[in-house]
Structures are given as structure tokens and as C-alpha cells.
């Protein structure tokens, strides 16, 4: 729980400094997965990042989507698995599936 507290506390500090923030959370896994359900990563508008949702293999895509979500305010569920061509491209070849929910926790301009 300590890691999640650190991520949420830092997100709160970023918000207090008027930065937009997106929070990515692993909501589902199947088979082999780099991180368990509940793992989180916070990303702010300056691309400061805290936490992890995959150990690196899908995080580039998560960060890119987080940037869009901070602009639009619309949450998104990303699905990665070995049958997903993008998952192979980003390195998720572990044989499992991962779903990551990304939400904006900052206000839009």
C-alpha cells in the first residue's frame, strides 16, 4: 500500500501546483502479467511520472494516452494481450493480458 499512497500523495501535490494529472490503474490481468491489479502510475502534464503499470513494456503507450486524456478529460480503458498487434510492438510478449484504465484527475482549462 505504501507505493499507492506515494503515487496519490504526489498526484495531489501536482494538482495543488495547478498541473494536470492522469492516473493509470491496472484493472484486470490474465495469465502472466508484469504488474498486479491495482498497480498505478501517475503522469503530469510535464511528463513527470511516478509508479508503474507494466514494468516498462506498455508504459510508452499508456503515457501517450494519458497526455490525450489530460487534454480531453475523457477516461479510457486500454487492453493489451498477445493477440493485440500493438502489444507485440510494445513488448508484451509474456503470454498474458492487461487492462489499464486511465483517468484525468486534474481540471481541464
N, C-alpha and C. Protein backbone atom coordinates (compact mmCIF):
# COMPACT_ATOMS: atom_id res chain seq x y z
N UNK A 1 0.81 -1.20 0.00
CA UNK A 1 0.00 0.00 0.00
C UNK A 1 0.85 1.27 0.00
N UNK A 2 2.03 1.17 0.47
CA UNK A 2 2.90 2.34 0.57
C UNK A 2 3.14 3.00 -0.79
N UNK A 3 3.35 2.21 -1.84
CA UNK A 3 3.60 2.76 -3.17
C UNK A 3 2.38 3.54 -3.67
N UNK A 4 1.19 2.99 -3.48
CA UNK A 4 -0.02 3.67 -3.92
C UNK A 4 -0.20 4.99 -3.18
N UNK A 5 0.06 4.99 -1.88
CA UNK A 5 -0.03 6.23 -1.10
C UNK A 5 0.92 7.28 -1.64
N UNK A 6 2.14 6.87 -1.97
CA UNK A 6 3.13 7.79 -2.51
C UNK A 6 2.66 8.38 -3.84
N UNK A 7 2.10 7.53 -4.70
CA UNK A 7 1.62 7.98 -6.01
C UNK A 7 0.47 8.96 -5.85
N UNK A 8 -0.49 8.63 -4.99
CA UNK A 8 -1.64 9.52 -4.79
C UNK A 8 -1.24 10.82 -4.11
N UNK A 9 -0.32 10.77 -3.15
CA UNK A 9 0.16 11.99 -2.50
C UNK A 9 0.86 12.91 -3.49
N UNK A 10 1.71 12.33 -4.35
CA UNK A 10 2.42 13.15 -5.34
C UNK A 10 1.42 13.74 -6.34
N UNK A 11 0.43 12.95 -6.74
CA UNK A 11 -0.60 13.45 -7.65
C UNK A 11 -1.33 14.65 -7.04
N UNK A 12 -1.62 14.54 -5.76
CA UNK A 12 -2.28 15.64 -5.06
C UNK A 12 -1.40 16.90 -5.03
N UNK A 13 -0.11 16.71 -4.81
CA UNK A 13 0.81 17.85 -4.82
C UNK A 13 0.87 18.50 -6.21
N UNK A 14 0.91 17.68 -7.24
CA UNK A 14 0.92 18.22 -8.60
C UNK A 14 -0.34 19.03 -8.85
N UNK A 15 -1.48 18.50 -8.42
CA UNK A 15 -2.75 19.23 -8.60
C UNK A 15 -2.74 20.55 -7.83
N UNK A 16 -2.20 20.55 -6.62
CA UNK A 16 -2.12 21.78 -5.83
C UNK A 16 -1.26 22.83 -6.52
N UNK A 17 -0.33 22.37 -7.36
CA UNK A 17 0.51 23.27 -8.14
C UNK A 17 -0.09 23.53 -9.53
N UNK A 18 -1.39 23.27 -9.66
CA UNK A 18 -2.15 23.53 -10.89
C UNK A 18 -1.66 22.78 -12.11
N UNK A 19 -1.12 21.59 -11.91
CA UNK A 19 -0.71 20.75 -13.02
C UNK A 19 -1.82 19.75 -13.33
N UNK A 20 -2.01 19.47 -14.60
CA UNK A 20 -2.93 18.42 -15.00
C UNK A 20 -2.28 17.07 -14.69
N UNK A 21 -3.11 16.12 -14.28
CA UNK A 21 -2.59 14.81 -13.88
C UNK A 21 -3.52 13.72 -14.39
N UNK A 22 -2.93 12.65 -14.89
CA UNK A 22 -3.68 11.45 -15.26
C UNK A 22 -3.20 10.31 -14.39
N UNK A 23 -4.13 9.44 -14.04
CA UNK A 23 -3.81 8.28 -13.21
C UNK A 23 -4.16 7.02 -14.00
N UNK A 24 -3.17 6.15 -14.17
CA UNK A 24 -3.36 4.87 -14.85
C UNK A 24 -3.38 3.77 -13.80
N UNK A 25 -4.35 2.87 -13.91
CA UNK A 25 -4.50 1.79 -12.94
C UNK A 25 -4.70 0.47 -13.67
N UNK A 26 -3.96 -0.55 -13.28
CA UNK A 26 -4.18 -1.90 -13.80
C UNK A 26 -5.48 -2.41 -13.19
N UNK A 27 -6.48 -2.67 -14.04
CA UNK A 27 -7.79 -3.09 -13.53
C UNK A 27 -8.07 -4.57 -13.79
N UNK A 28 -7.30 -5.19 -14.67
CA UNK A 28 -7.53 -6.59 -14.97
C UNK A 28 -6.27 -7.20 -15.55
N UNK A 29 -6.01 -8.45 -15.17
CA UNK A 29 -4.90 -9.20 -15.76
C UNK A 29 -5.37 -10.63 -15.98
N UNK A 30 -4.72 -11.30 -16.90
CA UNK A 30 -4.99 -12.70 -17.14
C UNK A 30 -3.67 -13.35 -17.54
N UNK A 31 -3.37 -14.49 -16.97
CA UNK A 31 -2.13 -15.18 -17.28
C UNK A 31 -0.93 -14.43 -16.72
N UNK A 32 0.15 -14.50 -17.43
CA UNK A 32 1.37 -13.83 -17.00
C UNK A 32 1.25 -12.32 -17.22
N UNK A 33 1.51 -11.57 -16.16
CA UNK A 33 1.37 -10.12 -16.23
C UNK A 33 2.50 -9.47 -15.45
N UNK A 34 3.09 -8.40 -15.97
CA UNK A 34 4.22 -7.77 -15.29
C UNK A 34 3.87 -7.12 -13.94
N UNK A 35 2.65 -6.61 -13.79
CA UNK A 35 2.24 -5.93 -12.56
C UNK A 35 0.85 -6.40 -12.16
N UNK A 36 0.56 -6.47 -10.87
CA UNK A 36 -0.76 -6.96 -10.43
C UNK A 36 -1.85 -5.91 -10.55
N UNK A 37 -3.10 -6.38 -10.48
CA UNK A 37 -4.26 -5.49 -10.44
C UNK A 37 -4.06 -4.51 -9.28
N UNK A 38 -4.39 -3.25 -9.53
CA UNK A 38 -4.24 -2.20 -8.53
C UNK A 38 -2.97 -1.39 -8.68
N UNK A 39 -2.02 -1.87 -9.48
CA UNK A 39 -0.79 -1.11 -9.71
C UNK A 39 -1.15 0.20 -10.40
N UNK A 40 -0.45 1.27 -10.03
CA UNK A 40 -0.79 2.58 -10.57
C UNK A 40 0.44 3.35 -11.05
N UNK A 41 0.16 4.29 -11.95
CA UNK A 41 1.17 5.21 -12.45
C UNK A 41 0.50 6.56 -12.62
N UNK A 42 1.13 7.59 -12.09
CA UNK A 42 0.64 8.96 -12.26
C UNK A 42 1.54 9.67 -13.25
N UNK A 43 0.93 10.48 -14.11
CA UNK A 43 1.65 11.23 -15.12
C UNK A 43 1.12 12.65 -15.08
N UNK A 44 2.04 13.64 -15.04
CA UNK A 44 1.54 15.01 -15.10
C UNK A 44 1.83 15.63 -16.46
N UNK A 45 1.32 16.83 -16.67
CA UNK A 45 1.44 17.49 -17.97
C UNK A 45 2.87 17.77 -18.38
N UNK A 46 3.81 17.78 -17.42
CA UNK A 46 5.23 17.99 -17.72
C UNK A 46 5.95 16.67 -17.96
N UNK A 47 5.18 15.57 -18.03
CA UNK A 47 5.69 14.22 -18.22
C UNK A 47 6.54 13.73 -17.04
N UNK A 48 6.26 14.25 -15.87
CA UNK A 48 6.83 13.65 -14.67
C UNK A 48 5.98 12.42 -14.38
N UNK A 49 6.63 11.31 -14.03
CA UNK A 49 5.95 10.03 -13.88
C UNK A 49 6.35 9.38 -12.57
N UNK A 50 5.36 8.79 -11.92
CA UNK A 50 5.62 8.07 -10.68
C UNK A 50 4.81 6.78 -10.72
N UNK A 51 5.44 5.66 -10.41
CA UNK A 51 4.77 4.38 -10.38
C UNK A 51 4.96 3.62 -11.68
N UNK A 52 4.28 2.46 -11.77
CA UNK A 52 4.43 1.59 -12.94
C UNK A 52 3.19 0.73 -13.11
N UNK A 53 2.81 0.53 -14.36
CA UNK A 53 1.70 -0.36 -14.66
C UNK A 53 2.14 -1.60 -15.43
N UNK A 54 3.43 -1.66 -15.79
CA UNK A 54 3.84 -2.81 -16.59
C UNK A 54 5.31 -3.18 -16.49
N UNK A 55 6.06 -2.50 -15.72
CA UNK A 55 7.49 -2.78 -15.73
C UNK A 55 8.15 -2.25 -17.00
N UNK A 56 7.44 -1.43 -17.77
CA UNK A 56 8.03 -0.76 -18.91
C UNK A 56 7.50 -1.15 -20.27
N UNK A 57 6.97 -2.36 -20.43
CA UNK A 57 6.66 -2.84 -21.78
C UNK A 57 5.51 -2.13 -22.47
N UNK A 58 4.54 -1.61 -21.75
CA UNK A 58 3.42 -0.90 -22.39
C UNK A 58 3.33 0.55 -21.94
N UNK A 59 4.24 0.97 -21.10
CA UNK A 59 4.12 2.29 -20.49
C UNK A 59 4.23 3.45 -21.47
N UNK A 60 4.97 3.29 -22.55
CA UNK A 60 5.04 4.36 -23.55
C UNK A 60 3.67 4.67 -24.12
N UNK A 61 2.91 3.63 -24.41
CA UNK A 61 1.56 3.80 -24.93
C UNK A 61 0.66 4.41 -23.86
N UNK A 62 0.79 3.96 -22.62
CA UNK A 62 -0.02 4.49 -21.52
C UNK A 62 0.26 5.98 -21.34
N UNK A 63 1.52 6.37 -21.39
CA UNK A 63 1.90 7.78 -21.22
C UNK A 63 1.33 8.63 -22.36
N UNK A 64 1.42 8.14 -23.59
CA UNK A 64 0.88 8.88 -24.74
C UNK A 64 -0.63 9.06 -24.59
N UNK A 65 -1.32 8.01 -24.20
CA UNK A 65 -2.77 8.10 -24.00
C UNK A 65 -3.10 9.03 -22.84
N UNK A 66 -2.30 9.01 -21.79
CA UNK A 66 -2.53 9.90 -20.63
C UNK A 66 -2.45 11.36 -21.05
N UNK A 67 -1.53 11.68 -21.95
CA UNK A 67 -1.42 13.06 -22.42
C UNK A 67 -2.71 13.50 -23.11
N UNK A 68 -3.29 12.62 -23.92
CA UNK A 68 -4.54 12.94 -24.60
C UNK A 68 -5.69 13.06 -23.60
N UNK A 69 -5.71 12.19 -22.62
CA UNK A 69 -6.77 12.20 -21.61
C UNK A 69 -6.70 13.46 -20.76
N UNK A 70 -5.49 13.96 -20.49
CA UNK A 70 -5.37 15.22 -19.75
C UNK A 70 -5.94 16.38 -20.56
N UNK A 71 -5.89 16.30 -21.87
CA UNK A 71 -6.44 17.35 -22.73
C UNK A 71 -7.96 17.27 -22.83
N UNK A 72 -8.48 16.05 -23.00
CA UNK A 72 -9.91 15.88 -23.26
C UNK A 72 -10.74 15.66 -22.00
N UNK A 73 -10.11 15.11 -20.96
CA UNK A 73 -10.84 14.77 -19.75
C UNK A 73 -11.63 13.48 -19.85
N UNK A 74 -11.54 12.80 -21.00
CA UNK A 74 -12.30 11.56 -21.21
C UNK A 74 -11.46 10.34 -20.83
N UNK A 75 -11.92 9.54 -19.86
CA UNK A 75 -11.16 8.35 -19.46
C UNK A 75 -11.14 7.30 -20.57
N UNK A 76 -10.22 6.36 -20.44
CA UNK A 76 -10.08 5.34 -21.48
C UNK A 76 -9.59 4.04 -20.85
N UNK A 77 -10.09 2.93 -21.38
CA UNK A 77 -9.62 1.61 -20.97
C UNK A 77 -8.76 1.05 -22.10
N UNK A 78 -7.50 0.78 -21.79
CA UNK A 78 -6.58 0.20 -22.77
C UNK A 78 -6.47 -1.29 -22.50
N UNK A 79 -6.47 -2.08 -23.58
CA UNK A 79 -6.36 -3.53 -23.45
C UNK A 79 -5.14 -4.01 -24.22
N UNK A 80 -4.30 -4.79 -23.56
CA UNK A 80 -3.09 -5.33 -24.18
C UNK A 80 -3.06 -6.83 -23.97
N UNK A 81 -2.65 -7.56 -25.00
CA UNK A 81 -2.52 -9.00 -24.90
C UNK A 81 -1.72 -9.52 -26.07
N UNK A 82 -1.36 -10.79 -26.04
CA UNK A 82 -0.51 -11.32 -27.10
C UNK A 82 -1.19 -11.34 -28.45
N UNK A 83 -2.51 -11.29 -28.49
CA UNK A 83 -3.20 -11.26 -29.77
C UNK A 83 -3.31 -9.84 -30.31
N UNK A 84 -2.95 -8.87 -29.50
CA UNK A 84 -3.02 -7.47 -29.87
C UNK A 84 -1.71 -7.09 -30.55
N UNK A 85 -1.76 -6.69 -31.82
CA UNK A 85 -0.54 -6.35 -32.56
C UNK A 85 0.26 -5.29 -31.83
N UNK A 86 -0.42 -4.28 -31.28
CA UNK A 86 0.29 -3.22 -30.56
C UNK A 86 1.02 -3.78 -29.35
N UNK A 87 0.44 -4.77 -28.68
CA UNK A 87 1.10 -5.37 -27.52
C UNK A 87 2.43 -6.00 -27.92
N UNK A 88 2.47 -6.67 -29.06
CA UNK A 88 3.73 -7.23 -29.55
C UNK A 88 4.72 -6.12 -29.86
N UNK A 89 4.22 -5.03 -30.44
CA UNK A 89 5.09 -3.91 -30.79
C UNK A 89 5.70 -3.28 -29.55
N UNK A 90 4.94 -3.22 -28.44
CA UNK A 90 5.46 -2.58 -27.24
C UNK A 90 6.15 -3.56 -26.31
N UNK A 91 6.16 -4.85 -26.66
CA UNK A 91 6.94 -5.81 -25.89
C UNK A 91 6.16 -6.66 -24.92
N UNK A 92 4.84 -6.69 -24.98
CA UNK A 92 4.05 -7.51 -24.06
C UNK A 92 3.91 -8.91 -24.66
N UNK A 93 4.98 -9.66 -24.59
CA UNK A 93 5.00 -11.00 -25.18
C UNK A 93 5.00 -12.07 -24.10
N UNK A 94 4.60 -11.71 -22.88
CA UNK A 94 4.66 -12.63 -21.75
C UNK A 94 3.54 -13.66 -21.76
N UNK A 95 2.60 -13.55 -22.70
CA UNK A 95 1.54 -14.52 -22.80
C UNK A 95 0.29 -14.15 -22.04
N UNK A 96 0.29 -13.01 -21.39
CA UNK A 96 -0.87 -12.60 -20.61
C UNK A 96 -1.65 -11.48 -21.25
N UNK A 97 -2.61 -10.99 -20.48
CA UNK A 97 -3.41 -9.84 -20.90
C UNK A 97 -3.44 -8.84 -19.76
N UNK A 98 -3.47 -7.57 -20.11
CA UNK A 98 -3.50 -6.50 -19.12
C UNK A 98 -4.50 -5.45 -19.59
N UNK A 99 -5.33 -4.97 -18.69
CA UNK A 99 -6.20 -3.83 -18.97
C UNK A 99 -5.83 -2.70 -18.03
N UNK A 100 -5.66 -1.52 -18.60
CA UNK A 100 -5.26 -0.35 -17.84
C UNK A 100 -6.29 0.75 -18.05
N UNK A 101 -6.85 1.25 -16.96
CA UNK A 101 -7.82 2.34 -17.01
C UNK A 101 -7.06 3.63 -16.73
N UNK A 102 -7.24 4.62 -17.61
CA UNK A 102 -6.57 5.91 -17.43
C UNK A 102 -7.64 6.98 -17.28
N UNK A 103 -7.48 7.80 -16.24
CA UNK A 103 -8.44 8.86 -15.98
C UNK A 103 -7.71 10.15 -15.67
N UNK A 104 -8.36 11.24 -16.01
CA UNK A 104 -7.87 12.57 -15.72
C UNK A 104 -8.27 12.91 -14.28
N UNK A 105 -7.31 13.32 -13.47
CA UNK A 105 -7.66 13.74 -12.11
C UNK A 105 -7.40 15.22 -11.92
N UNK A 106 -7.15 15.90 -13.03
CA UNK A 106 -6.99 17.34 -12.99
C UNK A 106 -8.10 18.00 -13.76
N UNK A 107 -8.27 19.27 -13.51
CA UNK A 107 -9.31 20.02 -14.22
C UNK A 107 -8.81 20.41 -15.59
N UNK A 108 -9.70 20.45 -16.55
CA UNK A 108 -9.35 20.93 -17.88
C UNK A 108 -9.45 22.44 -17.93
N UNK A 109 -8.63 23.05 -18.78
CA UNK A 109 -8.69 24.52 -18.95
C UNK A 109 -9.97 24.92 -19.63
